[in-house]
Amino acid sequence: MTNQNQKETKTTTFQRATYLLGTIFTGIVSYTTLTGDLQTIIHFAGILNEIGFFMMGSFLTLIFAYLTIAE
């Protein structure tokens, strides 16, 4: 028989790991957008599109980082 607390701990650990991987991935995407290295893979139509992409990636990174800590 499994304990209820053990089941919740495994789920919480998996969720935190998922949020941490999301934080790392979106952080890498934001950083490569900021340095301009992503231009070789994704061709943006204009500078405002690139700035918007960076800002949305940065916000997503912050959200994932918050969820990693708060969950």
C-alpha atoms as a PDB file:
ATOM      1  CA  MET A   1       0.000   0.000   0.000  1.00  0.00           C
ATOM      2  CA  THR A   2       1.421   3.400  -0.976  1.00  0.00           C
ATOM      3  CA  ASN A   3       1.273   6.442   1.186  1.00  0.00           C
ATOM      4  CA  GLN A   4      -0.703   9.443  -0.107  1.00  0.00           C
ATOM      5  CA  ASN A   5       2.205  11.797   0.664  1.00  0.00           C
ATOM      6  CA  GLN A   6       4.635   9.720  -1.410  1.00  0.00           C
ATOM      7  CA  LYS A   7       2.370   9.953  -4.438  1.00  0.00           C
ATOM      8  CA  GLU A   8       2.101  13.743  -4.108  1.00  0.00           C
ATOM      9  CA  THR A   9       5.866  14.078  -3.685  1.00  0.00           C
ATOM     10  CA  LYS A  10       6.564  12.161  -6.899  1.00  0.00           C
ATOM     11  CA  THR A  11       4.074  14.281  -8.833  1.00  0.00           C
ATOM     12  CA  THR A  12       5.483  17.511  -7.420  1.00  0.00           C
ATOM     13  CA  THR A  13       9.038  16.430  -8.207  1.00  0.00           C
ATOM     14  CA  PHE A  14       8.067  15.584 -11.790  1.00  0.00           C
ATOM     15  CA  GLN A  15       6.286  18.929 -12.201  1.00  0.00           C
ATOM     16  CA  ARG A  16       9.277  20.839 -10.842  1.00  0.00           C
ATOM     17  CA  ALA A  17      11.614  18.979 -13.166  1.00  0.00           C
ATOM     18  CA  THR A  18       9.346  19.788 -16.101  1.00  0.00           C
ATOM     19  CA  TYR A  19       9.218  23.471 -15.138  1.00  0.00           C
ATOM     20  CA  LEU A  20      13.000  23.525 -14.710  1.00  0.00           C
ATOM     21  CA  LEU A  21      13.526  22.056 -18.183  1.00  0.00           C
ATOM     22  CA  GLY A  22      11.102  24.647 -19.571  1.00  0.00           C
ATOM     23  CA  THR A  23      13.054  27.399 -17.827  1.00  0.00           C
ATOM     24  CA  ILE A  24      16.343  26.191 -19.278  1.00  0.00           C
ATOM     25  CA  PHE A  25      14.962  25.754 -22.797  1.00  0.00           C
ATOM     26  CA  THR A  26      13.189  29.112 -22.981  1.00  0.00           C
ATOM     27  CA  GLY A  27      16.208  30.802 -21.381  1.00  0.00           C
ATOM     28  CA  ILE A  28      18.449  29.415 -24.119  1.00  0.00           C
ATOM     29  CA  VAL A  29      16.009  30.559 -26.811  1.00  0.00           C
ATOM     30  CA  SER A  30      15.825  34.051 -25.277  1.00  0.00           C
ATOM     31  CA  TYR A  31      19.597  34.304 -24.952  1.00  0.00           C
ATOM     32  CA  THR A  32      20.259  33.215 -28.523  1.00  0.00           C
ATOM     33  CA  THR A  33      17.648  35.708 -29.725  1.00  0.00           C
ATOM     34  CA  LEU A  34      19.350  38.456 -27.722  1.00  0.00           C
ATOM     35  CA  THR A  35      22.799  37.681 -29.137  1.00  0.00           C
ATOM     36  CA  GLY A  36      21.468  37.367 -32.698  1.00  0.00           C
ATOM     37  CA  ASP A  37      22.525  33.740 -33.202  1.00  0.00           C
ATOM     38  CA  LEU A  38      18.917  32.663 -33.733  1.00  0.00           C
ATOM     39  CA  GLN A  39      18.785  34.713 -36.950  1.00  0.00           C
ATOM     40  CA  THR A  40      20.522  31.865 -38.782  1.00  0.00           C
ATOM     41  CA  ILE A  41      17.633  29.516 -37.936  1.00  0.00           C
ATOM     42  CA  ILE A  42      14.593  31.813 -37.743  1.00  0.00           C
ATOM     43  CA  HIS A  43      14.436  34.705 -40.201  1.00  0.00           C
ATOM     44  CA  PHE A  44      12.403  37.493 -38.626  1.00  0.00           C
ATOM     45  CA  ALA A  45      10.436  39.874 -40.867  1.00  0.00           C
ATOM     46  CA  GLY A  46      11.632  42.925 -38.944  1.00  0.00           C
ATOM     47  CA  ILE A  47      13.403  44.165 -35.865  1.00  0.00           C
ATOM     48  CA  LEU A  48      10.137  44.605 -33.957  1.00  0.00           C
ATOM     49  CA  ASN A  49       9.294  40.942 -34.535  1.00  0.00           C
ATOM     50  CA  GLU A  50      12.641  39.945 -33.091  1.00  0.00           C
ATOM     51  CA  ILE A  51      12.175  42.218 -30.076  1.00  0.00           C
ATOM     52  CA  GLY A  52       8.676  40.829 -29.490  1.00  0.00           C
ATOM     53  CA  PHE A  53       9.955  37.259 -29.772  1.00  0.00           C
ATOM     54  CA  PHE A  54      12.682  38.022 -27.228  1.00  0.00           C
ATOM     55  CA  MET A  55      10.267  39.664 -24.806  1.00  0.00           C
ATOM     56  CA  MET A  56       7.761  36.804 -24.965  1.00  0.00           C
ATOM     57  CA  GLY A  57      10.562  34.276 -24.493  1.00  0.00           C
ATOM     58  CA  SER A  58      11.884  36.229 -21.522  1.00  0.00           C
ATOM     59  CA  PHE A  59       8.458  36.413 -19.903  1.00  0.00           C
ATOM     60  CA  LEU A  60       7.973  32.695 -20.436  1.00  0.00           C
ATOM     61  CA  THR A  61      11.369  32.054 -18.837  1.00  0.00           C
ATOM     62  CA  LEU A  62      10.370  34.113 -15.806  1.00  0.00           C
ATOM     63  CA  ILE A  63       7.031  32.322 -15.518  1.00  0.00           C
ATOM     64  CA  PHE A  64       8.670  28.892 -15.670  1.00  0.00           C
ATOM     65  CA  ALA A  65      11.294  29.976 -13.111  1.00  0.00           C
ATOM     66  CA  TYR A  66       8.559  31.176 -10.759  1.00  0.00           C
ATOM     67  CA  LEU A  67       6.631  27.931 -11.162  1.00  0.00           C
ATOM     68  CA  THR A  68       9.791  25.927 -10.450  1.00  0.00           C
ATOM     69  CA  ILE A  69      10.271  27.735  -7.154  1.00  0.00           C
ATOM     70  CA  ALA A  70       6.643  28.206  -6.078  1.00  0.00           C
ATOM     71  CA  GLU A  71       5.242  24.754  -6.890  1.00  0.00           C
END
